Amino acid sequence: YYVDSVKGRFTISRDNAKNAVYLQMNSVKPEDTAFYYCAAKKDLLLL
């Protein structure tokens, strides 16, 4: 699930065998400038 402002531009993926999650950011805009945080949530039902 993505916030509307990044749909079609960003892709989130994960590799559980490597304990890794990624955010591929394409067609970036100045509005994307920010400090980006990785987050983990157990028992999340609705993304």
All heavy atoms as atom14 arrays in JSON, in Angstrom:
{
  "sequence": "YYVDSVKGRFTISRDNAKNAVYLQMNSVKPEDTAFYYCAAKKDLLLL",
  "atom14_mask": [
    [1, 1, 1, 1, 1, 1, 1, 1, 1, 1, 1, 1, 0, 0],
    [1, 1, 1, 1, 1, 1, 1, 1, 1, 1, 1, 1, 0, 0],
    [1, 1, 1, 1, 1, 1, 1, 0, 0, 0, 0, 0, 0, 0],
    [1, 1, 1, 1, 1, 1, 1, 1, 0, 0, 0, 0, 0, 0],
    [1, 1, 1, 1, 1, 1, 0, 0, 0, 0, 0, 0, 0, 0],
    [1, 1, 1, 1, 1, 1, 1, 0, 0, 0, 0, 0, 0, 0],
    [1, 1, 1, 1, 1, 1, 1, 1, 1, 0, 0, 0, 0, 0],
    [1, 1, 1, 1, 0, 0, 0, 0, 0, 0, 0, 0, 0, 0],
    [1, 1, 1, 1, 1, 1, 1, 1, 1, 1, 1, 0, 0, 0],
    [1, 1, 1, 1, 1, 1, 1, 1, 1, 1, 1, 0, 0, 0],
    [1, 1, 1, 1, 1, 1, 1, 0, 0, 0, 0, 0, 0, 0],
    [1, 1, 1, 1, 1, 1, 1, 1, 0, 0, 0, 0, 0, 0],
    [1, 1, 1, 1, 1, 1, 0, 0, 0, 0, 0, 0, 0, 0],
    [1, 1, 1, 1, 1, 1, 1, 1, 1, 1, 1, 0, 0, 0],
    [1, 1, 1, 1, 1, 1, 1, 1, 0, 0, 0, 0, 0, 0],
    [1, 1, 1, 1, 1, 1, 1, 1, 0, 0, 0, 0, 0, 0],
    [1, 1, 1, 1, 1, 0, 0, 0, 0, 0, 0, 0, 0, 0],
    [1, 1, 1, 1, 1, 1, 1, 1, 1, 0, 0, 0, 0, 0],
    [1, 1, 1, 1, 1, 1, 1, 1, 0, 0, 0, 0, 0, 0],
    [1, 1, 1, 1, 1, 0, 0, 0, 0, 0, 0, 0, 0, 0],
    [1, 1, 1, 1, 1, 1, 1, 0, 0, 0, 0, 0, 0, 0],
    [1, 1, 1, 1, 1, 1, 1, 1, 1, 1, 1, 1, 0, 0],
    [1, 1, 1, 1, 1, 1, 1, 1, 0, 0, 0, 0, 0, 0],
    [1, 1, 1, 1, 1, 1, 1, 1, 1, 0, 0, 0, 0, 0],
    [1, 1, 1, 1, 1, 1, 1, 1, 0, 0, 0, 0, 0, 0],
    [1, 1, 1, 1, 1, 1, 1, 1, 0, 0, 0, 0, 0, 0],
    [1, 1, 1, 1, 1, 1, 0, 0, 0, 0, 0, 0, 0, 0],
    [1, 1, 1, 1, 1, 1, 1, 0, 0, 0, 0, 0, 0, 0],
    [1, 1, 1, 1, 1, 1, 1, 1, 1, 0, 0, 0, 0, 0],
    [1, 1, 1, 1, 1, 1, 1, 0, 0, 0, 0, 0, 0, 0],
    [1, 1, 1, 1, 1, 1, 1, 1, 1, 0, 0, 0, 0, 0],
    [1, 1, 1, 1, 1, 1, 1, 1, 0, 0, 0, 0, 0, 0],
    [1, 1, 1, 1, 1, 1, 1, 0, 0, 0, 0, 0, 0, 0],
    [1, 1, 1, 1, 1, 0, 0, 0, 0, 0, 0, 0, 0, 0],
    [1, 1, 1, 1, 1, 1, 1, 1, 1, 1, 1, 0, 0, 0],
    [1, 1, 1, 1, 1, 1, 1, 1, 1, 1, 1, 1, 0, 0],
    [1, 1, 1, 1, 1, 1, 1, 1, 1, 1, 1, 1, 0, 0],
    [1, 1, 1, 1, 1, 1, 0, 0, 0, 0, 0, 0, 0, 0],
    [1, 1, 1, 1, 1, 0, 0, 0, 0, 0, 0, 0, 0, 0],
    [1, 1, 1, 1, 1, 0, 0, 0, 0, 0, 0, 0, 0, 0],
    [1, 1, 1, 1, 1, 1, 1, 1, 1, 0, 0, 0, 0, 0],
    [1, 1, 1, 1, 1, 1, 1, 1, 1, 0, 0, 0, 0, 0],
    [1, 1, 1, 1, 1, 1, 1, 1, 0, 0, 0, 0, 0, 0],
    [1, 1, 1, 1, 1, 1, 1, 1, 0, 0, 0, 0, 0, 0],
    [1, 1, 1, 1, 1, 1, 1, 1, 0, 0, 0, 0, 0, 0],
    [1, 1, 1, 1, 1, 1, 1, 1, 0, 0, 0, 0, 0, 0],
    [1, 1, 1, 1, 1, 1, 1, 1, 0, 0, 0, 0, 0, 0]
  ],
  "atom14_positions": [
    [[0.85, -1.18, 0.0], [0.0, 0.0, 0.0], [0.89, 1.23, 0.0], [1.92, 1.27, 0.67], [-0.92, 0.01, 1.22], [-1.87, 1.18, 1.21], [-2.96, 1.21, 0.36], [-1.67, 2.27, 2.06], [-3.82, 2.29, 0.34], [-2.53, 3.35, 2.04], [-3.61, 3.36, 1.18], [-4.46, 4.42, 1.16], [0.0, 0.0, 0.0], [0.0, 0.0, 0.0]],
    [[0.46, 2.25, -0.75], [1.24, 3.47, -0.9], [0.38, 4.7, -0.68], [-0.8, 4.72, -1.01], [1.83, 3.56, -2.31], [2.69, 2.4, -2.71], [2.13, 1.28, -3.31], [4.06, 2.42, -2.5], [2.92, 0.21, -3.69], [4.86, 1.36, -2.87], [4.28, 0.25, -3.46], [5.07, -0.81, -3.84], [0.0, 0.0, 0.0], [0.0, 0.0, 0.0]],
    [[1.01, 5.73, -0.16], [0.34, 7.01, -0.1], [0.16, 7.51, -1.54], [0.97, 7.21, -2.42], [1.16, 8.01, 0.74], [2.47, 8.36, 0.07], [0.35, 9.26, 1.06], [0.0, 0.0, 0.0], [0.0, 0.0, 0.0], [0.0, 0.0, 0.0], [0.0, 0.0, 0.0], [0.0, 0.0, 0.0], [0.0, 0.0, 0.0], [0.0, 0.0, 0.0]],
    [[-0.92, 8.23, -1.77], [-1.26, 8.63, -3.13], [-0.13, 9.38, -3.84], [0.07, 9.21, -5.04], [-2.51, 9.51, -3.12], [-3.78, 8.73, -2.85], [-3.75, 7.49, -2.96], [-4.8, 9.37, -2.54], [0.0, 0.0, 0.0], [0.0, 0.0, 0.0], [0.0, 0.0, 0.0], [0.0, 0.0, 0.0], [0.0, 0.0, 0.0], [0.0, 0.0, 0.0]],
    [[0.61, 10.17, -3.12], [1.62, 11.01, -3.73], [2.79, 10.24, -4.33], [3.55, 10.79, -5.13], [2.15, 12.03, -2.71], [2.73, 11.38, -1.6], [0.0, 0.0, 0.0], [0.0, 0.0, 0.0], [0.0, 0.0, 0.0], [0.0, 0.0, 0.0], [0.0, 0.0, 0.0], [0.0, 0.0, 0.0], [0.0, 0.0, 0.0], [0.0, 0.0, 0.0]],
    [[2.95, 8.96, -3.97], [4.07, 8.18, -4.5], [3.62, 7.01, -5.36], [4.47, 6.31, -5.92], [5.0, 7.67, -3.39], [5.43, 8.81, -2.48], [4.34, 6.55, -2.58], [0.0, 0.0, 0.0], [0.0, 0.0, 0.0], [0.0, 0.0, 0.0], [0.0, 0.0, 0.0], [0.0, 0.0, 0.0], [0.0, 0.0, 0.0], [0.0, 0.0, 0.0]],
    [[2.34, 6.8, -5.49], [1.84, 5.69, -6.29], [2.32, 5.81, -7.73], [2.25, 6.87, -8.33], [0.31, 5.64, -6.26], [-0.26, 5.16, -4.95], [-1.78, 5.12, -4.99], [-2.35, 4.61, -3.68], [-3.83, 4.62, -3.68], [0.0, 0.0, 0.0], [0.0, 0.0, 0.0], [0.0, 0.0, 0.0], [0.0, 0.0, 0.0], [0.0, 0.0, 0.0]],
    [[2.79, 4.7, -8.27], [3.31, 4.69, -9.62], [4.75, 5.09, -9.73], [5.36, 4.93, -10.79], [0.0, 0.0, 0.0], [0.0, 0.0, 0.0], [0.0, 0.0, 0.0], [0.0, 0.0, 0.0], [0.0, 0.0, 0.0], [0.0, 0.0, 0.0], [0.0, 0.0, 0.0], [0.0, 0.0, 0.0], [0.0, 0.0, 0.0], [0.0, 0.0, 0.0]],
    [[5.33, 5.62, -8.66], [6.72, 6.05, -8.66], [7.59, 5.23, -7.71], [8.74, 4.93, -8.02], [6.82, 7.53, -8.29], [6.07, 8.46, -9.24], [6.39, 9.92, -8.96], [5.98, 10.33, -7.62], [6.82, 10.73, -6.67], [8.12, 10.8, -6.92], [6.36, 11.09, -5.48], [0.0, 0.0, 0.0], [0.0, 0.0, 0.0], [0.0, 0.0, 0.0]],
    [[7.05, 4.89, -6.56], [7.8, 4.14, -5.55], [7.33, 2.69, -5.52], [6.16, 2.4, -5.75], [7.61, 4.74, -4.16], [8.24, 6.09, -3.95], [8.79, 6.81, -4.99], [8.28, 6.63, -2.67], [9.37, 8.05, -4.79], [8.86, 7.86, -2.45], [9.4, 8.58, -3.5], [0.0, 0.0, 0.0], [0.0, 0.0, 0.0], [0.0, 0.0, 0.0]],
    [[8.25, 1.8, -5.18], [7.93, 0.4, -5.02], [8.58, -0.14, -3.75], [9.79, -0.03, -3.59], [8.4, -0.44, -6.21], [7.81, 0.05, -7.42], [7.99, -1.9, -6.03], [0.0, 0.0, 0.0], [0.0, 0.0, 0.0], [0.0, 0.0, 0.0], [0.0, 0.0, 0.0], [0.0, 0.0, 0.0], [0.0, 0.0, 0.0], [0.0, 0.0, 0.0]],
    [[7.77, -0.7, -2.88], [8.3, -1.33, -1.68], [8.39, -2.83, -1.92], [7.52, -3.42, -2.56], [7.43, -1.01, -0.44], [8.09, -1.54, 0.84], [6.02, -1.56, -0.59], [7.4, -1.08, 2.12], [0.0, 0.0, 0.0], [0.0, 0.0, 0.0], [0.0, 0.0, 0.0], [0.0, 0.0, 0.0], [0.0, 0.0, 0.0], [0.0, 0.0, 0.0]],
    [[9.44, -3.45, -1.42], [9.61, -4.89, -1.56], [10.35, -5.41, -0.33], [10.92, -4.65, 0.43], [10.38, -5.23, -2.84], [11.68, -4.66, -2.83], [0.0, 0.0, 0.0], [0.0, 0.0, 0.0], [0.0, 0.0, 0.0], [0.0, 0.0, 0.0], [0.0, 0.0, 0.0], [0.0, 0.0, 0.0], [0.0, 0.0, 0.0], [0.0, 0.0, 0.0]],
    [[10.32, -6.71, -0.16], [11.04, -7.31, 0.96], [11.59, -8.66, 0.57], [11.09, -9.33, -0.34], [10.13, -7.43, 2.19], [9.02, -8.47, 2.08], [8.06, -8.37, 3.26], [8.7, -8.68, 4.52], [8.21, -8.38, 5.73], [7.05, -7.72, 5.81], [8.87, -8.71, 6.83], [0.0, 0.0, 0.0], [0.0, 0.0, 0.0], [0.0, 0.0, 0.0]],
    [[12.63, -9.05, 1.26], [13.26, -10.35, 1.09], [13.43, -10.92, 2.48], [14.37, -10.59, 3.19], [14.6, -10.22, 0.37], [15.22, -11.56, 0.03], [14.85, -12.58, 0.63], [16.09, -11.59, -0.87], [0.0, 0.0, 0.0], [0.0, 0.0, 0.0], [0.0, 0.0, 0.0], [0.0, 0.0, 0.0], [0.0, 0.0, 0.0], [0.0, 0.0, 0.0]],
    [[12.5, -11.77, 2.87], [12.53, -12.3, 4.22], [13.73, -13.19, 4.5], [14.18, -13.3, 5.64], [11.23, -13.06, 4.5], [10.04, -12.14, 4.67], [10.19, -10.93, 4.82], [8.84, -12.71, 4.63], [0.0, 0.0, 0.0], [0.0, 0.0, 0.0], [0.0, 0.0, 0.0], [0.0, 0.0, 0.0], [0.0, 0.0, 0.0], [0.0, 0.0, 0.0]],
    [[14.26, -13.82, 3.46], [15.45, -14.65, 3.63], [16.66, -13.8, 4.0], [17.59, -14.3, 4.64], [15.73, -15.45, 2.36], [0.0, 0.0, 0.0], [0.0, 0.0, 0.0], [0.0, 0.0, 0.0], [0.0, 0.0, 0.0], [0.0, 0.0, 0.0], [0.0, 0.0, 0.0], [0.0, 0.0, 0.0], [0.0, 0.0, 0.0], [0.0, 0.0, 0.0]],
    [[16.65, -12.54, 3.59], [17.74, -11.62, 3.89], [17.4, -10.63, 4.99], [18.2, -9.75, 5.3], [18.15, -10.86, 2.64], [18.69, -11.73, 1.53], [19.08, -10.89, 0.32], [19.66, -11.76, -0.78], [20.04, -10.96, -1.97], [0.0, 0.0, 0.0], [0.0, 0.0, 0.0], [0.0, 0.0, 0.0], [0.0, 0.0, 0.0], [0.0, 0.0, 0.0]],
    [[16.22, -10.75, 5.56], [15.76, -9.81, 6.59], [15.86, -8.36, 6.11], [16.37, -7.49, 6.81], [16.56, -9.99, 7.88], [16.04, -11.1, 8.76], [15.32, -11.99, 8.3], [16.41, -11.07, 10.03], [0.0, 0.0, 0.0], [0.0, 0.0, 0.0], [0.0, 0.0, 0.0], [0.0, 0.0, 0.0], [0.0, 0.0, 0.0], [0.0, 0.0, 0.0]],
    [[15.37, -8.13, 4.91], [15.54, -6.82, 4.31], [14.25, -6.31, 3.67], [13.44, -7.09, 3.17], [16.65, -6.85, 3.26], [0.0, 0.0, 0.0], [0.0, 0.0, 0.0], [0.0, 0.0, 0.0], [0.0, 0.0, 0.0], [0.0, 0.0, 0.0], [0.0, 0.0, 0.0], [0.0, 0.0, 0.0], [0.0, 0.0, 0.0], [0.0, 0.0, 0.0]],
    [[14.1, -5.01, 3.69], [13.01, -4.34, 3.0], [13.6, -3.17, 2.22], [14.58, -2.56, 2.66], [11.91, -3.87, 3.99], [12.46, -2.84, 4.97], [10.71, -3.32, 3.23], [0.0, 0.0, 0.0], [0.0, 0.0, 0.0], [0.0, 0.0, 0.0], [0.0, 0.0, 0.0], [0.0, 0.0, 0.0], [0.0, 0.0, 0.0], [0.0, 0.0, 0.0]],
    [[13.01, -2.88, 1.07], [13.56, -1.88, 0.18], [12.47, -0.9, -0.25], [11.29, -1.24, -0.29], [14.16, -2.52, -1.07], [15.1, -3.66, -0.77], [14.64, -4.97, -0.77], [16.44, -3.43, -0.49], [15.49, -6.03, -0.5], [17.3, -4.48, -0.22], [16.83, -5.77, -0.23], [17.68, -6.82, 0.04], [0.0, 0.0, 0.0], [0.0, 0.0, 0.0]],
    [[12.91, 0.28, -0.6], [12.02, 1.25, -1.22], [12.72, 1.79, -2.46], [13.7, 2.53, -2.36], [11.69, 2.4, -0.27], [10.67, 3.41, -0.79], [9.29, 2.76, -0.92], [10.58, 4.64, 0.11], [0.0, 0.0, 0.0], [0.0, 0.0, 0.0], [0.0, 0.0, 0.0], [0.0, 0.0, 0.0], [0.0, 0.0, 0.0], [0.0, 0.0, 0.0]],
    [[12.22, 1.38, -3.61], [12.73, 1.87, -4.88], [11.98, 3.14, -5.22], [10.76, 3.13, -5.35], [12.54, 0.82, -5.97], [13.01, 1.26, -7.35], [14.51, 1.44, -7.42], [15.26, 0.61, -6.92], [14.95, 2.53, -8.04], [0.0, 0.0, 0.0], [0.0, 0.0, 0.0], [0.0, 0.0, 0.0], [0.0, 0.0, 0.0], [0.0, 0.0, 0.0]],
    [[12.71, 4.22, -5.38], [12.13, 5.52, -5.64], [12.5, 5.96, -7.05], [13.66, 6.23, -7.33], [12.62, 6.54, -4.62], [12.43, 6.1, -3.17], [13.36, 7.09, -1.98], [12.64, 8.71, -2.23], [0.0, 0.0, 0.0], [0.0, 0.0, 0.0], [0.0, 0.0, 0.0], [0.0, 0.0, 0.0], [0.0, 0.0, 0.0], [0.0, 0.0, 0.0]],
    [[11.52, 6.02, -7.92], [11.72, 6.44, -9.3], [11.02, 7.77, -9.55], [10.07, 8.13, -8.85], [11.2, 5.39, -10.27], [11.93, 4.08, -10.19], [13.11, 4.03, -9.85], [11.24, 2.99, -10.52], [0.0, 0.0, 0.0], [0.0, 0.0, 0.0], [0.0, 0.0, 0.0], [0.0, 0.0, 0.0], [0.0, 0.0, 0.0], [0.0, 0.0, 0.0]],
    [[11.47, 8.46, -10.56], [10.88, 9.75, -10.94], [10.72, 10.65, -9.73], [9.66, 11.24, -9.49], [9.53, 9.53, -11.63], [9.67, 8.73, -12.79], [0.0, 0.0, 0.0], [0.0, 0.0, 0.0], [0.0, 0.0, 0.0], [0.0, 0.0, 0.0], [0.0, 0.0, 0.0], [0.0, 0.0, 0.0], [0.0, 0.0, 0.0], [0.0, 0.0, 0.0]],
    [[11.76, 10.77, -8.96], [11.67, 11.52, -7.71], [11.44, 13.0, -7.98], [11.84, 13.54, -9.01], [12.92, 11.32, -6.84], [13.0, 9.87, -6.39], [14.19, 11.72, -7.59], [0.0, 0.0, 0.0], [0.0, 0.0, 0.0], [0.0, 0.0, 0.0], [0.0, 0.0, 0.0], [0.0, 0.0, 0.0], [0.0, 0.0, 0.0], [0.0, 0.0, 0.0]],
    [[10.79, 13.63, -7.02], [10.45, 15.04, -7.08], [11.06, 15.76, -5.89], [11.33, 15.14, -4.86], [8.93, 15.23, -7.07], [8.19, 14.48, -8.15], [6.68, 14.62, -7.96], [5.92, 13.86, -9.03], [4.45, 13.98, -8.84], [0.0, 0.0, 0.0], [0.0, 0.0, 0.0], [0.0, 0.0, 0.0], [0.0, 0.0, 0.0], [0.0, 0.0, 0.0]],
    [[11.25, 17.07, -6.0], [11.75, 17.81, -4.83], [10.89, 17.62, -3.58], [11.43, 17.64, -2.47], [11.72, 19.27, -5.31], [11.91, 19.17, -6.78], [11.15, 17.93, -7.19], [0.0, 0.0, 0.0], [0.0, 0.0, 0.0], [0.0, 0.0, 0.0], [0.0, 0.0, 0.0], [0.0, 0.0, 0.0], [0.0, 0.0, 0.0], [0.0, 0.0, 0.0]],
    [[9.61, 17.4, -3.77], [8.7, 17.18, -2.65], [8.99, 15.88, -1.91], [8.49, 15.67, -0.8], [7.24, 17.17, -3.12], [6.83, 18.41, -3.88], [6.99, 18.24, -5.38], [8.11, 18.49, -5.88], [5.99, 17.89, -6.04], [0.0, 0.0, 0.0], [0.0, 0.0, 0.0], [0.0, 0.0, 0.0], [0.0, 0.0, 0.0], [0.0, 0.0, 0.0]],
    [[9.78, 14.99, -2.51], [10.15, 13.74, -1.86], [11.29, 13.93, -0.87], [11.62, 12.99, -0.13], [10.55, 12.7, -2.9], [9.41, 12.3, -3.81], [8.26, 12.19, -3.33], [9.66, 12.11, -5.02], [0.0, 0.0, 0.0], [0.0, 0.0, 0.0], [0.0, 0.0, 0.0], [0.0, 0.0, 0.0], [0.0, 0.0, 0.0], [0.0, 0.0, 0.0]],
    [[11.9, 15.08, -0.86], [13.0, 15.35, 0.06], [12.52, 15.21, 1.5], [11.56, 15.86, 1.91], [13.57, 16.75, -0.16], [14.15, 16.83, -1.47], [14.62, 17.08, 0.87], [0.0, 0.0, 0.0], [0.0, 0.0, 0.0], [0.0, 0.0, 0.0], [0.0, 0.0, 0.0], [0.0, 0.0, 0.0], [0.0, 0.0, 0.0], [0.0, 0.0, 0.0]],
    [[13.17, 14.34, 2.24], [12.78, 14.08, 3.62], [13.76, 13.11, 4.25], [14.61, 12.53, 3.58], [11.36, 13.5, 3.69], [0.0, 0.0, 0.0], [0.0, 0.0, 0.0], [0.0, 0.0, 0.0], [0.0, 0.0, 0.0], [0.0, 0.0, 0.0], [0.0, 0.0, 0.0], [0.0, 0.0, 0.0], [0.0, 0.0, 0.0], [0.0, 0.0, 0.0]],
    [[13.61, 12.94, 5.54], [14.32, 11.89, 6.25], [13.42, 10.66, 6.22], [12.28, 10.71, 6.69], [14.6, 12.33, 7.68], [15.84, 11.73, 8.28], [17.09, 12.21, 7.93], [15.75, 10.7, 9.19], [18.24, 11.67, 8.48], [16.89, 10.15, 9.75], [18.14, 10.64, 9.39], [0.0, 0.0, 0.0], [0.0, 0.0, 0.0], [0.0, 0.0, 0.0]],
    [[13.93, 9.58, 5.66], [13.13, 8.37, 5.49], [13.44, 7.34, 6.57], [14.6, 7.03, 6.84], [13.4, 7.76, 4.11], [12.69, 8.48, 3.0], [13.09, 9.75, 2.6], [11.59, 7.91, 2.36], [12.43, 10.43, 1.6], [10.92, 8.59, 1.35], [11.35, 9.84, 0.97], [10.69, 10.51, -0.04], [0.0, 0.0, 0.0], [0.0, 0.0, 0.0]],
    [[12.38, 6.82, 7.18], [12.51, 5.87, 8.28], [11.91, 4.52, 7.9], [10.81, 4.45, 7.37], [11.77, 6.37, 9.52], [12.31, 7.64, 10.11], [11.84, 8.88, 9.7], [13.29, 7.6, 11.11], [12.33, 10.06, 10.26], [13.77, 8.76, 11.67], [13.29, 9.98, 11.24], [13.76, 11.14, 11.8], [0.0, 0.0, 0.0], [0.0, 0.0, 0.0]],
    [[12.63, 3.49, 8.2], [12.13, 2.13, 8.1], [11.36, 1.81, 9.38], [11.75, 2.22, 10.47], [13.31, 1.17, 7.92], [12.88, -0.57, 7.85], [0.0, 0.0, 0.0], [0.0, 0.0, 0.0], [0.0, 0.0, 0.0], [0.0, 0.0, 0.0], [0.0, 0.0, 0.0], [0.0, 0.0, 0.0], [0.0, 0.0, 0.0], [0.0, 0.0, 0.0]],
    [[10.27, 1.08, 9.24], [9.42, 0.78, 10.38], [8.94, -0.66, 10.34], [8.72, -1.22, 9.27], [8.22, 1.73, 10.41], [0.0, 0.0, 0.0], [0.0, 0.0, 0.0], [0.0, 0.0, 0.0], [0.0, 0.0, 0.0], [0.0, 0.0, 0.0], [0.0, 0.0, 0.0], [0.0, 0.0, 0.0], [0.0, 0.0, 0.0], [0.0, 0.0, 0.0]],
    [[8.75, -1.23, 11.51], [8.24, -2.59, 11.65], [7.03, -2.59, 12.58], [7.02, -1.9, 13.6], [9.32, -3.52, 12.2], [0.0, 0.0, 0.0], [0.0, 0.0, 0.0], [0.0, 0.0, 0.0], [0.0, 0.0, 0.0], [0.0, 0.0, 0.0], [0.0, 0.0, 0.0], [0.0, 0.0, 0.0], [0.0, 0.0, 0.0], [0.0, 0.0, 0.0]],
    [[6.04, -3.35, 12.2], [4.81, -3.42, 12.99], [4.29, -4.85, 13.02], [4.01, -5.43, 11.98], [3.74, -2.51, 12.41], [2.42, -2.53, 13.18], [2.55, -1.79, 14.5], [1.23, -1.74, 15.26], [0.98, -3.02, 15.97], [0.0, 0.0, 0.0], [0.0, 0.0, 0.0], [0.0, 0.0, 0.0], [0.0, 0.0, 0.0], [0.0, 0.0, 0.0]],
    [[4.17, -5.39, 14.21], [3.6, -6.71, 14.38], [2.1, -6.61, 14.54], [1.59, -5.63, 15.08], [4.22, -7.4, 15.6], [4.11, -8.91, 15.58], [4.98, -9.54, 16.66], [5.01, -11.04, 16.54], [5.89, -11.66, 17.55], [0.0, 0.0, 0.0], [0.0, 0.0, 0.0], [0.0, 0.0, 0.0], [0.0, 0.0, 0.0], [0.0, 0.0, 0.0]],
    [[1.42, -7.6, 14.05], [-0.04, -7.68, 14.18], [-0.77, -6.54, 13.46], [-1.82, -6.09, 13.91], [-0.46, -7.71, 15.65], [0.1, -8.9, 16.39], [0.16, -9.99, 15.79], [0.47, -8.74, 17.56], [0.0, 0.0, 0.0], [0.0, 0.0, 0.0], [0.0, 0.0, 0.0], [0.0, 0.0, 0.0], [0.0, 0.0, 0.0], [0.0, 0.0, 0.0]],
    [[-0.21, -6.08, 12.37], [-0.87, -5.07, 11.56], [-1.86, -5.75, 10.63], [-1.48, -6.59, 9.82], [0.14, -4.27, 10.75], [-0.43, -3.17, 9.85], [-1.05, -2.07, 10.7], [0.64, -2.61, 8.94], [0.0, 0.0, 0.0], [0.0, 0.0, 0.0], [0.0, 0.0, 0.0], [0.0, 0.0, 0.0], [0.0, 0.0, 0.0], [0.0, 0.0, 0.0]],
    [[-3.11, -5.36, 10.75], [-4.15, -5.97, 9.94], [-4.42, -5.22, 8.65], [-4.67, -5.84, 7.62], [-5.45, -6.07, 10.75], [-5.39, -6.91, 12.02], [-6.74, -6.88, 12.73], [-4.98, -8.34, 11.71], [0.0, 0.0, 0.0], [0.0, 0.0, 0.0], [0.0, 0.0, 0.0], [0.0, 0.0, 0.0], [0.0, 0.0, 0.0], [0.0, 0.0, 0.0]],
    [[-4.37, -3.9, 8.71], [-4.69, -3.06, 7.55], [-3.52, -2.14, 7.25], [-3.2, -1.25, 8.03], [-5.95, -2.24, 7.82], [-7.21, -3.04, 8.17], [-8.35, -2.1, 8.54], [-7.62, -3.92, 7.0], [0.0, 0.0, 0.0], [0.0, 0.0, 0.0], [0.0, 0.0, 0.0], [0.0, 0.0, 0.0], [0.0, 0.0, 0.0], [0.0, 0.0, 0.0]],
    [[-2.89, -2.36, 6.11], [-1.72, -1.58, 5.75], [-2.04, -0.09, 5.65], [-1.19, 0.74, 5.98], [-1.12, -2.07, 4.43], [-0.62, -3.52, 4.39], [-0.04, -3.83, 3.01], [0.42, -3.76, 5.47], [0.0, 0.0, 0.0], [0.0, 0.0, 0.0], [0.0, 0.0, 0.0], [0.0, 0.0, 0.0], [0.0, 0.0, 0.0], [0.0, 0.0, 0.0]]
  ]
}
